[in-house]
Amino acid sequence: MADVLLYHHIQGLTDGVRSFADSLRQDGHTVHTPDLFDGRTFGSIEEGFGFAREVGFDTLRERGIAAADELDAGLVYAGFSFGVTIAQRLAQTRPGARGALLIDSCLPVAEFGETWPEGVPVQIHGKEDDEFFDEDLPAARELAGSTANAELFVYPGDQHLFADSSLAGYDPEASALLMERVRAFLATVRPA
């Protein structure tokens, strides 16, 4: 079973993110869900961005790094949207990473190093017409094409945060397919 560190999106550690983590826990995985917003959740992406700007994006990301520092190496780093900025950084820079799940976002690999780390599998998921993921799609395609350990899944539709069951943009069908693919991915992750 995998040990997963899952970072929430810009609207906070919502019930939908918790539910996603609980589904993986029911499969026997250990899933850590640090709350970078200290219990606050937001009804819209704009409100979440406002909070993040106020606190400072770098401050929030450092909270995420600190959460990883409290755990053993050998983690699968996962994130939704804003959480991807932390998960991808850790997957690329922290020794012992077992994998990465990048949902609703993907940064250029060059952001954190020259190449994706050898032997670290990665899945990238996003909606084809999501205005936020659309900006990241070139980076996602580049990453997927740079290593045999990468899979890119693009779903029809325009919803951002489509796998969060507590938000209006939730897409049950795409979310179920994403979860099926995540479960298959985690089943192949080598133990620490």
C-alpha atoms as a PDB file:
ATOM      1  CA  MET A   1       0.000   0.000   0.000  1.00  0.00           C
ATOM      2  CA  ALA A   2       1.130   3.524  -0.737  1.00  0.00           C
ATOM      3  CA  ASP A   3       1.818   6.384   1.637  1.00  0.00           C
ATOM      4  CA  VAL A   4       0.267   9.492   0.039  1.00  0.00           C
ATOM      5  CA  LEU A   5       0.687  13.144   0.944  1.00  0.00           C
ATOM      6  CA  LEU A   6      -2.306  14.952  -0.580  1.00  0.00           C
ATOM      7  CA  TYR A   7      -2.407  18.747  -0.838  1.00  0.00           C
ATOM      8  CA  HIS A   8      -5.709  20.560  -1.166  1.00  0.00           C
ATOM      9  CA  HIS A   9      -6.632  23.191  -3.738  1.00  0.00           C
ATOM     10  CA  ILE A  10      -7.132  26.955  -3.405  1.00  0.00           C
ATOM     11  CA  GLN A  11     -10.588  26.571  -1.838  1.00  0.00           C
ATOM     12  CA  GLY A  12      -9.074  24.711   1.106  1.00  0.00           C
ATOM     13  CA  LEU A  13      -9.351  21.282   2.653  1.00  0.00           C
ATOM     14  CA  THR A  14     -12.959  20.814   1.580  1.00  0.00           C
ATOM     15  CA  ASP A  15     -15.243  17.890   2.299  1.00  0.00           C
ATOM     16  CA  GLY A  16     -14.645  16.763  -1.287  1.00  0.00           C
ATOM     17  CA  VAL A  17     -10.867  16.592  -0.814  1.00  0.00           C
ATOM     18  CA  ARG A  18     -11.412  14.726   2.460  1.00  0.00           C
ATOM     19  CA  SER A  19     -13.761  12.320   0.680  1.00  0.00           C
ATOM     20  CA  PHE A  20     -11.191  11.704  -2.061  1.00  0.00           C
ATOM     21  CA  ALA A  21      -8.589  10.903   0.608  1.00  0.00           C
ATOM     22  CA  ASP A  22     -11.037   8.655   2.468  1.00  0.00           C
ATOM     23  CA  SER A  23     -11.679   6.661  -0.706  1.00  0.00           C
ATOM     24  CA  LEU A  24      -7.960   5.935  -0.962  1.00  0.00           C
ATOM     25  CA  ARG A  25      -7.804   5.069   2.730  1.00  0.00           C
ATOM     26  CA  GLN A  26     -10.601   2.542   2.228  1.00  0.00           C
ATOM     27  CA  ASP A  27      -8.297   0.855  -0.290  1.00  0.00           C
ATOM     28  CA  GLY A  28      -5.678   0.488   2.449  1.00  0.00           C
ATOM     29  CA  HIS A  29      -3.442   3.435   1.571  1.00  0.00           C
ATOM     30  CA  THR A  30      -2.178   5.868   4.177  1.00  0.00           C
ATOM     31  CA  VAL A  31      -3.213   9.381   3.143  1.00  0.00           C
ATOM     32  CA  HIS A  32      -2.011  12.540   4.877  1.00  0.00           C
ATOM     33  CA  THR A  33      -4.062  15.701   4.230  1.00  0.00           C
ATOM     34  CA  PRO A  34      -2.380  18.740   5.745  1.00  0.00           C
ATOM     35  CA  ASP A  35      -4.634  21.772   6.108  1.00  0.00           C
ATOM     36  CA  LEU A  36      -2.570  24.679   4.800  1.00  0.00           C
ATOM     37  CA  PHE A  37      -5.409  27.150   5.435  1.00  0.00           C
ATOM     38  CA  ASP A  38      -5.900  26.370   9.145  1.00  0.00           C
ATOM     39  CA  GLY A  39      -9.480  25.170   8.773  1.00  0.00           C
ATOM     40  CA  ARG A  40     -10.669  27.835   6.354  1.00  0.00           C
ATOM     41  CA  THR A  41     -12.466  26.881   3.161  1.00  0.00           C
ATOM     42  CA  PHE A  42     -13.809  29.170   0.476  1.00  0.00           C
ATOM     43  CA  GLY A  43     -16.919  29.142  -1.691  1.00  0.00           C
ATOM     44  CA  SER A  44     -15.081  30.212  -4.820  1.00  0.00           C
ATOM     45  CA  ILE A  45     -11.664  30.083  -6.443  1.00  0.00           C
ATOM     46  CA  GLU A  46     -11.527  33.890  -6.307  1.00  0.00           C
ATOM     47  CA  GLU A  47     -12.101  33.933  -2.529  1.00  0.00           C
ATOM     48  CA  GLY A  48      -9.419  31.297  -2.053  1.00  0.00           C
ATOM     49  CA  PHE A  49      -6.963  33.278  -4.178  1.00  0.00           C
ATOM     50  CA  GLY A  50      -7.743  36.384  -2.140  1.00  0.00           C
ATOM     51  CA  PHE A  51      -6.892  34.533   1.058  1.00  0.00           C
ATOM     52  CA  ALA A  52      -3.715  33.064  -0.454  1.00  0.00           C
ATOM     53  CA  ARG A  53      -2.573  36.498  -1.643  1.00  0.00           C
ATOM     54  CA  GLU A  54      -3.212  37.914   1.824  1.00  0.00           C
ATOM     55  CA  VAL A  55      -1.287  35.162   3.617  1.00  0.00           C
ATOM     56  CA  GLY A  56       1.286  34.798   0.844  1.00  0.00           C
ATOM     57  CA  PHE A  57       1.569  31.967  -1.661  1.00  0.00           C
ATOM     58  CA  ASP A  58       5.152  31.267  -0.600  1.00  0.00           C
ATOM     59  CA  THR A  59       4.094  31.069   3.056  1.00  0.00           C
ATOM     60  CA  LEU A  60       1.396  28.537   2.186  1.00  0.00           C
ATOM     61  CA  ARG A  61       3.787  26.488   0.062  1.00  0.00           C
ATOM     62  CA  GLU A  62       6.322  26.475   2.894  1.00  0.00           C
ATOM     63  CA  ARG A  63       3.601  25.106   5.192  1.00  0.00           C
ATOM     64  CA  GLY A  64       3.183  22.299   2.691  1.00  0.00           C
ATOM     65  CA  ILE A  65       6.918  21.579   2.605  1.00  0.00           C
ATOM     66  CA  ALA A  66       6.989  21.581   6.408  1.00  0.00           C
ATOM     67  CA  ALA A  67       4.177  18.996   6.460  1.00  0.00           C
ATOM     68  CA  ALA A  68       6.310  16.733   4.261  1.00  0.00           C
ATOM     69  CA  ASP A  69       9.340  17.239   6.495  1.00  0.00           C
ATOM     70  CA  GLU A  70       7.372  15.713   9.381  1.00  0.00           C
ATOM     71  CA  LEU A  71       6.909  12.445   7.448  1.00  0.00           C
ATOM     72  CA  ASP A  72       9.254   9.703   6.313  1.00  0.00           C
ATOM     73  CA  ALA A  73      10.537   9.661   2.760  1.00  0.00           C
ATOM     74  CA  GLY A  74       8.928   7.230   0.345  1.00  0.00           C
ATOM     75  CA  LEU A  75       5.761   9.207  -0.294  1.00  0.00           C
ATOM     76  CA  VAL A  76       3.517   9.640  -3.273  1.00  0.00           C
ATOM     77  CA  TYR A  77       2.992  13.393  -3.563  1.00  0.00           C
ATOM     78  CA  ALA A  78      -0.465  14.392  -4.746  1.00  0.00           C
ATOM     79  CA  GLY A  79      -2.221  17.691  -5.209  1.00  0.00           C
ATOM     80  CA  PHE A  80      -5.274  19.383  -6.589  1.00  0.00           C
ATOM     81  CA  SER A  81      -4.559  22.601  -8.539  1.00  0.00           C
ATOM     82  CA  PHE A  82      -2.754  24.907  -6.078  1.00  0.00           C
ATOM     83  CA  GLY A  83      -1.646  21.786  -4.177  1.00  0.00           C
ATOM     84  CA  VAL A  84       0.148  20.583  -7.307  1.00  0.00           C
ATOM     85  CA  THR A  85       2.660  23.414  -6.890  1.00  0.00           C
ATOM     86  CA  ILE A  86       3.813  21.749  -3.668  1.00  0.00           C
ATOM     87  CA  ALA A  87       3.363  18.110  -4.679  1.00  0.00           C
ATOM     88  CA  GLN A  88       5.268  18.501  -7.946  1.00  0.00           C
ATOM     89  CA  ARG A  89       8.121  20.360  -6.252  1.00  0.00           C
ATOM     90  CA  LEU A  90       8.496  17.607  -3.655  1.00  0.00           C
ATOM     91  CA  ALA A  91       8.236  14.808  -6.222  1.00  0.00           C
ATOM     92  CA  GLN A  92      11.001  16.411  -8.249  1.00  0.00           C
ATOM     93  CA  THR A  93      13.312  17.452  -5.409  1.00  0.00           C
ATOM     94  CA  ARG A  94      12.806  15.265  -2.348  1.00  0.00           C
ATOM     95  CA  PRO A  95      14.820  12.031  -2.322  1.00  0.00           C
ATOM     96  CA  GLY A  96      12.769   8.865  -2.030  1.00  0.00           C
ATOM     97  CA  ALA A  97       9.649  10.078  -3.848  1.00  0.00           C
ATOM     98  CA  ARG A  98       7.539   7.099  -4.945  1.00  0.00           C
ATOM     99  CA  GLY A  99       5.269   8.943  -7.361  1.00  0.00           C
ATOM    100  CA  ALA A 100       3.201  12.024  -8.111  1.00  0.00           C
ATOM    101  CA  LEU A 101      -0.473  12.650  -8.804  1.00  0.00           C
ATOM    102  CA  LEU A 102      -1.031  16.060 -10.382  1.00  0.00           C
ATOM    103  CA  ILE A 103      -4.729  16.906 -10.624  1.00  0.00           C
ATOM    104  CA  ASP A 104      -6.033  20.066 -12.343  1.00  0.00           C
ATOM    105  CA  SER A 105      -2.546  21.518 -12.802  1.00  0.00           C
ATOM    106  CA  CYS A 106       1.012  20.861 -13.960  1.00  0.00           C
ATOM    107  CA  LEU A 107       4.038  23.113 -13.874  1.00  0.00           C
ATOM    108  CA  PRO A 108       6.951  23.024 -16.309  1.00  0.00           C
ATOM    109  CA  VAL A 109       9.507  20.457 -15.139  1.00  0.00           C
ATOM    110  CA  ALA A 110      12.196  23.151 -15.424  1.00  0.00           C
ATOM    111  CA  GLU A 111      10.511  24.957 -12.525  1.00  0.00           C
ATOM    112  CA  PHE A 112      12.148  22.493 -10.113  1.00  0.00           C
ATOM    113  CA  GLY A 113      15.009  20.917 -12.061  1.00  0.00           C
ATOM    114  CA  GLU A 114      16.251  20.014 -15.493  1.00  0.00           C
ATOM    115  CA  THR A 115      14.392  16.719 -15.890  1.00  0.00           C
ATOM    116  CA  TRP A 116      11.742  14.613 -14.194  1.00  0.00           C
ATOM    117  CA  PRO A 117      13.436  12.248 -11.690  1.00  0.00           C
ATOM    118  CA  GLU A 118      14.195   8.834 -13.100  1.00  0.00           C
ATOM    119  CA  GLY A 119      12.000   6.068 -11.742  1.00  0.00           C
ATOM    120  CA  VAL A 120       9.342   8.382 -10.268  1.00  0.00           C
ATOM    121  CA  PRO A 121       5.990   7.667 -11.939  1.00  0.00           C
ATOM    122  CA  VAL A 122       3.531  10.506 -12.458  1.00  0.00           C
ATOM    123  CA  GLN A 123      -0.081  10.858 -13.502  1.00  0.00           C
ATOM    124  CA  ILE A 124      -1.511  14.175 -14.676  1.00  0.00           C
ATOM    125  CA  HIS A 125      -5.282  14.750 -14.842  1.00  0.00           C
ATOM    126  CA  GLY A 126      -7.262  17.725 -16.131  1.00  0.00           C
ATOM    127  CA  LYS A 127     -10.226  18.897 -18.170  1.00  0.00           C
ATOM    128  CA  GLU A 128      -9.553  19.815 -21.796  1.00  0.00           C
ATOM    129  CA  ASP A 129     -11.481  23.100 -21.706  1.00  0.00           C
ATOM    130  CA  ASP A 130     -10.701  24.104 -18.115  1.00  0.00           C
ATOM    131  CA  GLU A 131      -9.357  27.651 -18.400  1.00  0.00           C
ATOM    132  CA  PHE A 132      -6.847  27.022 -15.603  1.00  0.00           C
ATOM    133  CA  PHE A 133      -5.616  23.626 -16.813  1.00  0.00           C
ATOM    134  CA  ASP A 134      -5.469  24.930 -20.376  1.00  0.00           C
ATOM    135  CA  GLU A 135      -2.567  27.160 -19.308  1.00  0.00           C
ATOM    136  CA  ASP A 136      -0.779  24.096 -17.902  1.00  0.00           C
ATOM    137  CA  LEU A 137      -1.514  21.686 -20.738  1.00  0.00           C
ATOM    138  CA  PRO A 138       1.712  22.427 -22.666  1.00  0.00           C
ATOM    139  CA  ALA A 139       3.746  21.670 -19.533  1.00  0.00           C
ATOM    140  CA  ALA A 140       1.687  18.516 -18.919  1.00  0.00           C
ATOM    141  CA  ARG A 141       2.276  17.329 -22.473  1.00  0.00           C
ATOM    142  CA  GLU A 142       5.978  18.079 -22.205  1.00  0.00           C
ATOM    143  CA  LEU A 143       6.249  16.124 -18.953  1.00  0.00           C
ATOM    144  CA  ALA A 144       4.234  13.216 -20.342  1.00  0.00           C
ATOM    145  CA  GLY A 145       6.487  13.092 -23.388  1.00  0.00           C
ATOM    146  CA  SER A 146       9.726  13.320 -21.418  1.00  0.00           C
ATOM    147  CA  THR A 147       9.553  10.058 -19.470  1.00  0.00           C
ATOM    148  CA  ALA A 148       8.071   6.611 -19.889  1.00  0.00           C
ATOM    149  CA  ASN A 149       6.872   6.898 -16.288  1.00  0.00           C
ATOM    150  CA  ALA A 150       4.297   9.600 -17.067  1.00  0.00           C
ATOM    151  CA  GLU A 151       0.625   9.383 -18.000  1.00  0.00           C
ATOM    152  CA  LEU A 152      -1.514  12.327 -19.058  1.00  0.00           C
ATOM    153  CA  PHE A 153      -5.291  12.040 -18.901  1.00  0.00           C
ATOM    154  CA  VAL A 154      -7.416  14.811 -20.390  1.00  0.00           C
ATOM    155  CA  TYR A 155     -11.154  14.606 -19.793  1.00  0.00           C
ATOM    156  CA  PRO A 156     -13.919  16.308 -21.770  1.00  0.00           C
ATOM    157  CA  GLY A 157     -15.433  19.391 -20.169  1.00  0.00           C
ATOM    158  CA  ASP A 158     -14.411  22.690 -18.667  1.00  0.00           C
ATOM    159  CA  GLN A 159     -14.788  22.190 -14.908  1.00  0.00           C
ATOM    160  CA  HIS A 160     -11.860  23.029 -12.671  1.00  0.00           C
ATOM    161  CA  LEU A 161     -11.613  20.952  -9.480  1.00  0.00           C
ATOM    162  CA  PHE A 162     -13.920  18.410 -11.109  1.00  0.00           C
ATOM    163  CA  ALA A 163     -12.971  15.615  -8.691  1.00  0.00           C
ATOM    164  CA  ASP A 164     -14.053  17.537  -5.581  1.00  0.00           C
ATOM    165  CA  SER A 165     -17.510  16.182  -4.757  1.00  0.00           C
ATOM    166  CA  SER A 166     -18.319  19.143  -2.503  1.00  0.00           C
ATOM    167  CA  LEU A 167     -18.042  21.773  -5.254  1.00  0.00           C
ATOM    168  CA  ALA A 168     -20.433  22.841  -8.014  1.00  0.00           C
ATOM    169  CA  GLY A 169     -17.962  21.806 -10.747  1.00  0.00           C
ATOM    170  CA  TYR A 170     -17.942  18.175  -9.612  1.00  0.00           C
ATOM    171  CA  ASP A 171     -18.172  15.730 -12.508  1.00  0.00           C
ATOM    172  CA  PRO A 172     -19.139  12.288 -11.128  1.00  0.00           C
ATOM    173  CA  GLU A 173     -18.325  10.395 -14.325  1.00  0.00           C
ATOM    174  CA  ALA A 174     -14.899  11.955 -14.902  1.00  0.00           C
ATOM    175  CA  SER A 175     -14.144  11.757 -11.192  1.00  0.00           C
ATOM    176  CA  ALA A 176     -14.939   8.034 -11.115  1.00  0.00           C
ATOM    177  CA  LEU A 177     -12.612   7.452 -14.068  1.00  0.00           C
ATOM    178  CA  LEU A 178      -9.903   9.547 -12.420  1.00  0.00           C
ATOM    179  CA  MET A 179     -10.247   7.524  -9.213  1.00  0.00           C
ATOM    180  CA  GLU A 180     -10.038   4.253 -11.160  1.00  0.00           C
ATOM    181  CA  ARG A 181      -6.806   5.459 -12.775  1.00  0.00           C
ATOM    182  CA  VAL A 182      -5.394   6.714  -9.475  1.00  0.00           C
ATOM    183  CA  ARG A 183      -6.115   3.349  -7.845  1.00  0.00           C
ATOM    184  CA  ALA A 184      -4.349   1.527 -10.688  1.00  0.00           C
ATOM    185  CA  PHE A 185      -1.411   3.928 -10.352  1.00  0.00           C
ATOM    186  CA  LEU A 186      -1.109   3.445  -6.587  1.00  0.00           C
ATOM    187  CA  ALA A 187      -1.263  -0.327  -7.005  1.00  0.00           C
ATOM    188  CA  THR A 188       1.975  -0.159  -9.030  1.00  0.00           C
ATOM    189  CA  VAL A 189       3.919   2.140  -6.717  1.00  0.00           C
ATOM    190  CA  ARG A 190       6.910   0.364  -5.285  1.00  0.00           C
ATOM    191  CA  PRO A 191       7.099   0.304  -1.488  1.00  0.00           C
ATOM    192  CA  ALA A 192       9.590   2.470   0.417  1.00  0.00           C
END
